[in-house]
Amino acid sequence: MSFFPTDLEISEPEHEDFAPPPWWQTPEDEIPSIAATSRLLAVTHHVAVALIGADVYRNGVEFRIERRLRRNGMPAREWNESIAVFTEHSPFGGRGVDLGRLRYGLVLGDGERVLDDAPYAGGADPMSPPEGHALRRMGSESSGGRGSFTGRDRLWLWPAPPAGPIDFVMQWPALEIDETRVLIDGDELIAQIPHVKQFWE
């Protein structure tokens, strides 16, 4: 007779697969078509922000953004304050810089305005489909060292935009970037949709 009793068999509970709503994130089963869309959005003596590309899916577009912060002779106190602002990822703002936070928005070809912080405003139910288009900031990250920092943002626009030009709007008052706008060819993005492929049929 063994000293240790036999382990009881514990049945694993069955969990249903959770499928995130399509306005939350890019499709997991699609290979996007890459649109060669790059624009310098804003530049100051210490900060630069650029749109470096767009990944087009059947039901939306993910915009990829690169941010740069360089010290370039900035005094230590100001540099540390700039790092704190630069590495703040929340679209709500934070650390007392709400009014100066980084914000993104779009004006679509039909005139609809879409803001990246709209899904978080007013206590909206994140499981309820948004009215019109939604722009969700996701995957933000920052890294750096003594003299420079790099940041990346991904913006998920759902559903796919209508035909026409897209005004890409941003501002970052806390880092001395006023509202800036660049024009993107929305028709070029839509033209990529037939080239989207699937991982699984």
C-alpha atoms as a PDB file:
ATOM      1  CA  MET A   1       0.000   0.000   0.000  1.00  0.00           C
ATOM      2  CA  SER A   2       1.430   3.329  -1.064  1.00  0.00           C
ATOM      3  CA  PHE A   3       2.099   6.008   1.512  1.00  0.00           C
ATOM      4  CA  PHE A   4       0.609   8.685  -0.772  1.00  0.00           C
ATOM      5  CA  PRO A   5      -3.058   8.477  -1.721  1.00  0.00           C
ATOM      6  CA  THR A   6      -4.064   8.469  -5.354  1.00  0.00           C
ATOM      7  CA  ASP A   7      -4.724  11.924  -6.745  1.00  0.00           C
ATOM      8  CA  LEU A   8      -8.328  12.718  -7.418  1.00  0.00           C
ATOM      9  CA  GLU A   9      -9.276  13.286 -11.029  1.00  0.00           C
ATOM     10  CA  ILE A  10     -10.411  16.856 -11.476  1.00  0.00           C
ATOM     11  CA  SER A  11     -12.313  17.575 -14.641  1.00  0.00           C
ATOM     12  CA  GLU A  12     -11.358  20.751 -16.478  1.00  0.00           C
ATOM     13  CA  PRO A  13     -14.275  23.115 -17.010  1.00  0.00           C
ATOM     14  CA  GLU A  14     -15.191  23.775 -20.595  1.00  0.00           C
ATOM     15  CA  HIS A  15     -14.712  27.406 -21.601  1.00  0.00           C
ATOM     16  CA  GLU A  16     -16.216  28.894 -24.695  1.00  0.00           C
ATOM     17  CA  ASP A  17     -13.775  30.690 -26.984  1.00  0.00           C
ATOM     18  CA  PHE A  18     -14.055  34.431 -26.516  1.00  0.00           C
ATOM     19  CA  ALA A  19     -14.156  36.365 -29.766  1.00  0.00           C
ATOM     20  CA  PRO A  20     -13.353  40.053 -29.164  1.00  0.00           C
ATOM     21  CA  PRO A  21     -15.742  42.445 -30.894  1.00  0.00           C
ATOM     22  CA  PRO A  22     -14.341  43.545 -34.269  1.00  0.00           C
ATOM     23  CA  TRP A  23     -14.079  47.171 -33.144  1.00  0.00           C
ATOM     24  CA  TRP A  24     -11.641  46.147 -30.377  1.00  0.00           C
ATOM     25  CA  GLN A  25      -8.747  44.869 -32.465  1.00  0.00           C
ATOM     26  CA  THR A  26      -7.509  43.688 -35.841  1.00  0.00           C
ATOM     27  CA  PRO A  27      -8.800  40.322 -37.123  1.00  0.00           C
ATOM     28  CA  GLU A  28      -6.744  37.382 -35.875  1.00  0.00           C
ATOM     29  CA  ASP A  29      -7.274  35.260 -38.978  1.00  0.00           C
ATOM     30  CA  GLU A  30      -6.271  37.754 -41.678  1.00  0.00           C
ATOM     31  CA  ILE A  31      -2.975  38.729 -43.271  1.00  0.00           C
ATOM     32  CA  PRO A  32      -3.253  42.465 -43.976  1.00  0.00           C
ATOM     33  CA  SER A  33      -2.296  44.172 -47.191  1.00  0.00           C
ATOM     34  CA  ILE A  34       0.359  46.811 -46.502  1.00  0.00           C
ATOM     35  CA  ALA A  35      -0.337  50.305 -47.800  1.00  0.00           C
ATOM     36  CA  ALA A  36       2.753  52.442 -48.399  1.00  0.00           C
ATOM     37  CA  THR A  37       1.424  55.429 -46.506  1.00  0.00           C
ATOM     38  CA  SER A  38       4.071  57.464 -44.690  1.00  0.00           C
ATOM     39  CA  ARG A  39       3.748  61.059 -43.539  1.00  0.00           C
ATOM     40  CA  LEU A  40       5.588  63.275 -41.104  1.00  0.00           C
ATOM     41  CA  LEU A  41       2.826  64.372 -38.736  1.00  0.00           C
ATOM     42  CA  ALA A  42       4.716  66.820 -36.527  1.00  0.00           C
ATOM     43  CA  VAL A  43       8.258  67.849 -35.645  1.00  0.00           C
ATOM     44  CA  THR A  44       9.779  70.184 -33.054  1.00  0.00           C
ATOM     45  CA  HIS A  45      13.333  70.687 -31.819  1.00  0.00           C
ATOM     46  CA  HIS A  46      12.950  67.671 -29.507  1.00  0.00           C
ATOM     47  CA  VAL A  47       9.949  65.621 -30.724  1.00  0.00           C
ATOM     48  CA  ALA A  48       8.949  64.034 -34.028  1.00  0.00           C
ATOM     49  CA  VAL A  49       5.848  61.980 -34.863  1.00  0.00           C
ATOM     50  CA  ALA A  50       5.322  60.130 -38.139  1.00  0.00           C
ATOM     51  CA  LEU A  51       2.757  57.837 -39.722  1.00  0.00           C
ATOM     52  CA  ILE A  52       4.922  55.042 -41.111  1.00  0.00           C
ATOM     53  CA  GLY A  53       2.335  52.793 -42.698  1.00  0.00           C
ATOM     54  CA  ALA A  54      -1.131  51.292 -42.707  1.00  0.00           C
ATOM     55  CA  ASP A  55      -2.161  47.643 -42.529  1.00  0.00           C
ATOM     56  CA  VAL A  56      -5.423  47.144 -44.394  1.00  0.00           C
ATOM     57  CA  TYR A  57      -7.875  44.418 -43.353  1.00  0.00           C
ATOM     58  CA  ARG A  58     -11.266  43.550 -44.833  1.00  0.00           C
ATOM     59  CA  ASN A  59     -13.119  45.393 -42.079  1.00  0.00           C
ATOM     60  CA  GLY A  60     -10.713  48.156 -41.083  1.00  0.00           C
ATOM     61  CA  VAL A  61      -7.298  49.788 -41.137  1.00  0.00           C
ATOM     62  CA  GLU A  62      -4.510  49.761 -38.572  1.00  0.00           C
ATOM     63  CA  PHE A  63      -2.316  52.860 -38.712  1.00  0.00           C
ATOM     64  CA  ARG A  64       1.273  52.481 -37.435  1.00  0.00           C
ATOM     65  CA  ILE A  65       2.873  55.523 -35.815  1.00  0.00           C
ATOM     66  CA  GLU A  66       6.458  56.147 -34.702  1.00  0.00           C
ATOM     67  CA  ARG A  67       7.362  58.783 -32.096  1.00  0.00           C
ATOM     68  CA  ARG A  68      10.828  60.149 -31.303  1.00  0.00           C
ATOM     69  CA  LEU A  69      12.082  62.201 -28.360  1.00  0.00           C
ATOM     70  CA  ARG A  70      15.654  63.497 -28.271  1.00  0.00           C
ATOM     71  CA  ARG A  71      17.346  65.318 -25.435  1.00  0.00           C
ATOM     72  CA  ASN A  72      19.589  67.472 -27.621  1.00  0.00           C
ATOM     73  CA  GLY A  73      20.887  69.676 -24.784  1.00  0.00           C
ATOM     74  CA  MET A  74      17.664  69.769 -22.773  1.00  0.00           C
ATOM     75  CA  PRO A  75      18.241  70.476 -19.029  1.00  0.00           C
ATOM     76  CA  ALA A  76      17.888  67.442 -16.744  1.00  0.00           C
ATOM     77  CA  ARG A  77      14.627  68.486 -15.037  1.00  0.00           C
ATOM     78  CA  GLU A  78      12.934  69.329 -18.330  1.00  0.00           C
ATOM     79  CA  TRP A  79      14.242  66.090 -19.865  1.00  0.00           C
ATOM     80  CA  ASN A  80      12.802  63.970 -17.055  1.00  0.00           C
ATOM     81  CA  GLU A  81       9.454  65.758 -17.333  1.00  0.00           C
ATOM     82  CA  SER A  82       9.433  65.210 -21.100  1.00  0.00           C
ATOM     83  CA  ILE A  83      10.133  61.491 -20.638  1.00  0.00           C
ATOM     84  CA  ALA A  84       7.185  61.212 -18.226  1.00  0.00           C
ATOM     85  CA  VAL A  85       4.869  62.789 -20.800  1.00  0.00           C
ATOM     86  CA  PHE A  86       6.334  60.852 -23.722  1.00  0.00           C
ATOM     87  CA  THR A  87       5.915  57.462 -22.076  1.00  0.00           C
ATOM     88  CA  GLU A  88       2.306  58.063 -20.961  1.00  0.00           C
ATOM     89  CA  HIS A  89       0.311  55.493 -22.963  1.00  0.00           C
ATOM     90  CA  SER A  90      -3.237  56.064 -21.777  1.00  0.00           C
ATOM     91  CA  PRO A  91      -5.606  57.816 -24.193  1.00  0.00           C
ATOM     92  CA  PHE A  92      -7.299  59.385 -21.140  1.00  0.00           C
ATOM     93  CA  GLY A  93      -4.122  61.273 -20.262  1.00  0.00           C
ATOM     94  CA  GLY A  94      -2.725  61.007 -16.772  1.00  0.00           C
ATOM     95  CA  ARG A  95      -0.063  62.337 -14.436  1.00  0.00           C
ATOM     96  CA  GLY A  96      -1.782  65.710 -14.480  1.00  0.00           C
ATOM     97  CA  VAL A  97      -1.338  66.243 -18.239  1.00  0.00           C
ATOM     98  CA  ASP A  98      -4.925  65.534 -19.352  1.00  0.00           C
ATOM     99  CA  LEU A  99      -5.266  68.789 -21.270  1.00  0.00           C
ATOM    100  CA  GLY A 100      -1.883  68.338 -22.910  1.00  0.00           C
ATOM    101  CA  ARG A 101      -2.058  64.625 -23.706  1.00  0.00           C
ATOM    102  CA  LEU A 102      -1.338  63.021 -27.038  1.00  0.00           C
ATOM    103  CA  ARG A 103      -4.520  62.717 -29.085  1.00  0.00           C
ATOM    104  CA  TYR A 104      -5.289  61.329 -32.524  1.00  0.00           C
ATOM    105  CA  GLY A 105      -8.327  61.739 -34.730  1.00  0.00           C
ATOM    106  CA  LEU A 106      -9.564  61.320 -38.282  1.00  0.00           C
ATOM    107  CA  VAL A 107     -11.942  63.145 -40.576  1.00  0.00           C
ATOM    108  CA  LEU A 108     -13.203  60.544 -43.028  1.00  0.00           C
ATOM    109  CA  GLY A 109     -14.167  61.081 -46.635  1.00  0.00           C
ATOM    110  CA  ASP A 110     -17.846  61.560 -45.767  1.00  0.00           C
ATOM    111  CA  GLY A 111     -17.026  64.184 -43.102  1.00  0.00           C
ATOM    112  CA  GLU A 112     -17.369  61.907 -40.055  1.00  0.00           C
ATOM    113  CA  ARG A 113     -15.018  62.830 -37.193  1.00  0.00           C
ATOM    114  CA  VAL A 114     -13.502  59.908 -35.257  1.00  0.00           C
ATOM    115  CA  LEU A 115     -11.454  60.382 -32.054  1.00  0.00           C
ATOM    116  CA  ASP A 116      -9.121  57.847 -30.470  1.00  0.00           C
ATOM    117  CA  ASP A 117     -10.442  58.525 -26.968  1.00  0.00           C
ATOM    118  CA  ALA A 118     -14.144  58.421 -27.894  1.00  0.00           C
ATOM    119  CA  PRO A 119     -14.611  54.725 -26.913  1.00  0.00           C
ATOM    120  CA  TYR A 120     -13.546  55.597 -23.350  1.00  0.00           C
ATOM    121  CA  ALA A 121     -15.670  58.706 -22.927  1.00  0.00           C
ATOM    122  CA  GLY A 122     -18.979  58.931 -21.128  1.00  0.00           C
ATOM    123  CA  GLY A 123     -18.865  55.436 -19.630  1.00  0.00           C
ATOM    124  CA  ALA A 124     -19.870  53.772 -22.908  1.00  0.00           C
ATOM    125  CA  ASP A 125     -20.298  49.990 -22.849  1.00  0.00           C
ATOM    126  CA  PRO A 126     -17.218  48.601 -24.649  1.00  0.00           C
ATOM    127  CA  MET A 127     -19.228  45.547 -25.748  1.00  0.00           C
ATOM    128  CA  SER A 128     -21.835  47.649 -27.559  1.00  0.00           C
ATOM    129  CA  PRO A 129     -21.166  48.451 -31.212  1.00  0.00           C
ATOM    130  CA  PRO A 130     -20.145  52.104 -31.627  1.00  0.00           C
ATOM    131  CA  GLU A 131     -22.238  54.464 -33.662  1.00  0.00           C
ATOM    132  CA  GLY A 132     -20.422  55.055 -36.917  1.00  0.00           C
ATOM    133  CA  HIS A 133     -16.684  54.416 -36.997  1.00  0.00           C
ATOM    134  CA  ALA A 134     -14.415  53.735 -34.027  1.00  0.00           C
ATOM    135  CA  LEU A 135     -10.720  54.585 -33.610  1.00  0.00           C
ATOM    136  CA  ARG A 136      -9.005  52.584 -30.888  1.00  0.00           C
ATOM    137  CA  ARG A 137      -5.436  53.156 -29.736  1.00  0.00           C
ATOM    138  CA  MET A 138      -3.719  49.909 -28.865  1.00  0.00           C
ATOM    139  CA  GLY A 139      -0.266  48.464 -28.522  1.00  0.00           C
ATOM    140  CA  SER A 140       1.418  51.701 -27.428  1.00  0.00           C
ATOM    141  CA  GLU A 141       4.978  51.274 -26.189  1.00  0.00           C
ATOM    142  CA  SER A 142       8.039  53.398 -25.421  1.00  0.00           C
ATOM    143  CA  SER A 143      11.687  52.675 -24.776  1.00  0.00           C
ATOM    144  CA  GLY A 144      14.918  54.607 -24.643  1.00  0.00           C
ATOM    145  CA  GLY A 145      17.967  55.731 -22.721  1.00  0.00           C
ATOM    146  CA  ARG A 146      19.907  58.774 -21.632  1.00  0.00           C
ATOM    147  CA  GLY A 147      19.600  60.802 -24.818  1.00  0.00           C
ATOM    148  CA  SER A 148      16.602  59.565 -26.785  1.00  0.00           C
ATOM    149  CA  PHE A 149      13.309  57.695 -26.577  1.00  0.00           C
ATOM    150  CA  THR A 150      11.247  55.880 -29.200  1.00  0.00           C
ATOM    151  CA  GLY A 151       7.510  55.287 -29.019  1.00  0.00           C
ATOM    152  CA  ARG A 152       5.090  53.354 -31.168  1.00  0.00           C
ATOM    153  CA  ASP A 153       1.324  53.558 -31.412  1.00  0.00           C
ATOM    154  CA  ARG A 154      -1.176  51.489 -33.364  1.00  0.00           C
ATOM    155  CA  LEU A 155      -4.592  52.925 -34.210  1.00  0.00           C
ATOM    156  CA  TRP A 156      -7.366  50.548 -35.249  1.00  0.00           C
ATOM    157  CA  LEU A 157     -10.035  52.154 -37.441  1.00  0.00           C
ATOM    158  CA  TRP A 158     -13.205  50.087 -37.687  1.00  0.00           C
ATOM    159  CA  PRO A 159     -14.989  49.522 -40.008  1.00  0.00           C
ATOM    160  CA  ALA A 160     -13.152  50.253 -43.268  1.00  0.00           C
ATOM    161  CA  PRO A 161     -13.285  53.931 -44.223  1.00  0.00           C
ATOM    162  CA  PRO A 162     -15.588  55.309 -46.904  1.00  0.00           C
ATOM    163  CA  ALA A 163     -14.188  56.541 -50.190  1.00  0.00           C
ATOM    164  CA  GLY A 164     -12.440  59.891 -50.267  1.00  0.00           C
ATOM    165  CA  PRO A 165      -9.537  61.645 -48.573  1.00  0.00           C
ATOM    166  CA  ILE A 166      -8.827  61.142 -44.868  1.00  0.00           C
ATOM    167  CA  ASP A 167      -7.636  63.993 -42.683  1.00  0.00           C
ATOM    168  CA  PHE A 168      -5.257  62.563 -40.068  1.00  0.00           C
ATOM    169  CA  VAL A 169      -5.254  64.911 -37.066  1.00  0.00           C
ATOM    170  CA  MET A 170      -3.040  64.910 -33.969  1.00  0.00           C
ATOM    171  CA  GLN A 171      -1.956  67.172 -31.139  1.00  0.00           C
ATOM    172  CA  TRP A 172       0.356  66.918 -28.127  1.00  0.00           C
ATOM    173  CA  PRO A 173       0.324  70.276 -26.313  1.00  0.00           C
ATOM    174  CA  ALA A 174       2.348  68.958 -23.361  1.00  0.00           C
ATOM    175  CA  LEU A 175       5.257  68.511 -25.792  1.00  0.00           C
ATOM    176  CA  GLU A 176       4.538  71.754 -27.701  1.00  0.00           C
ATOM    177  CA  ILE A 177       2.799  70.153 -30.675  1.00  0.00           C
ATOM    178  CA  ASP A 178      -0.310  72.071 -31.678  1.00  0.00           C
ATOM    179  CA  GLU A 179      -3.098  70.543 -33.744  1.00  0.00           C
ATOM    180  CA  THR A 180      -1.662  69.327 -37.046  1.00  0.00           C
ATOM    181  CA  ARG A 181      -3.304  67.695 -40.057  1.00  0.00           C
ATOM    182  CA  VAL A 182      -2.060  65.617 -42.968  1.00  0.00           C
ATOM    183  CA  LEU A 183      -4.084  64.256 -45.865  1.00  0.00           C
ATOM    184  CA  ILE A 184      -4.201  60.518 -46.615  1.00  0.00           C
ATOM    185  CA  ASP A 185      -5.604  58.905 -49.759  1.00  0.00           C
ATOM    186  CA  GLY A 186      -8.518  56.854 -48.441  1.00  0.00           C
ATOM    187  CA  ASP A 187      -9.199  55.377 -51.885  1.00  0.00           C
ATOM    188  CA  GLU A 188      -5.668  53.930 -51.874  1.00  0.00           C
ATOM    189  CA  LEU A 189      -6.448  52.146 -48.595  1.00  0.00           C
ATOM    190  CA  ILE A 190      -9.754  50.758 -49.873  1.00  0.00           C
ATOM    191  CA  ALA A 191      -7.998  49.490 -53.014  1.00  0.00           C
ATOM    192  CA  GLN A 192      -5.878  47.193 -50.813  1.00  0.00           C
ATOM    193  CA  ILE A 193      -8.879  45.277 -49.395  1.00  0.00           C
ATOM    194  CA  PRO A 194      -9.058  42.680 -52.234  1.00  0.00           C
ATOM    195  CA  HIS A 195      -5.405  41.778 -51.510  1.00  0.00           C
ATOM    196  CA  VAL A 196      -6.086  40.780 -47.878  1.00  0.00           C
ATOM    197  CA  LYS A 197      -5.492  37.063 -47.280  1.00  0.00           C
ATOM    198  CA  GLN A 198      -6.608  34.645 -44.558  1.00  0.00           C
ATOM    199  CA  PHE A 199      -4.544  32.333 -42.388  1.00  0.00           C
ATOM    200  CA  TRP A 200      -7.369  29.768 -42.375  1.00  0.00           C
ATOM    201  CA  GLU A 201     -10.258  29.256 -44.756  1.00  0.00           C
END
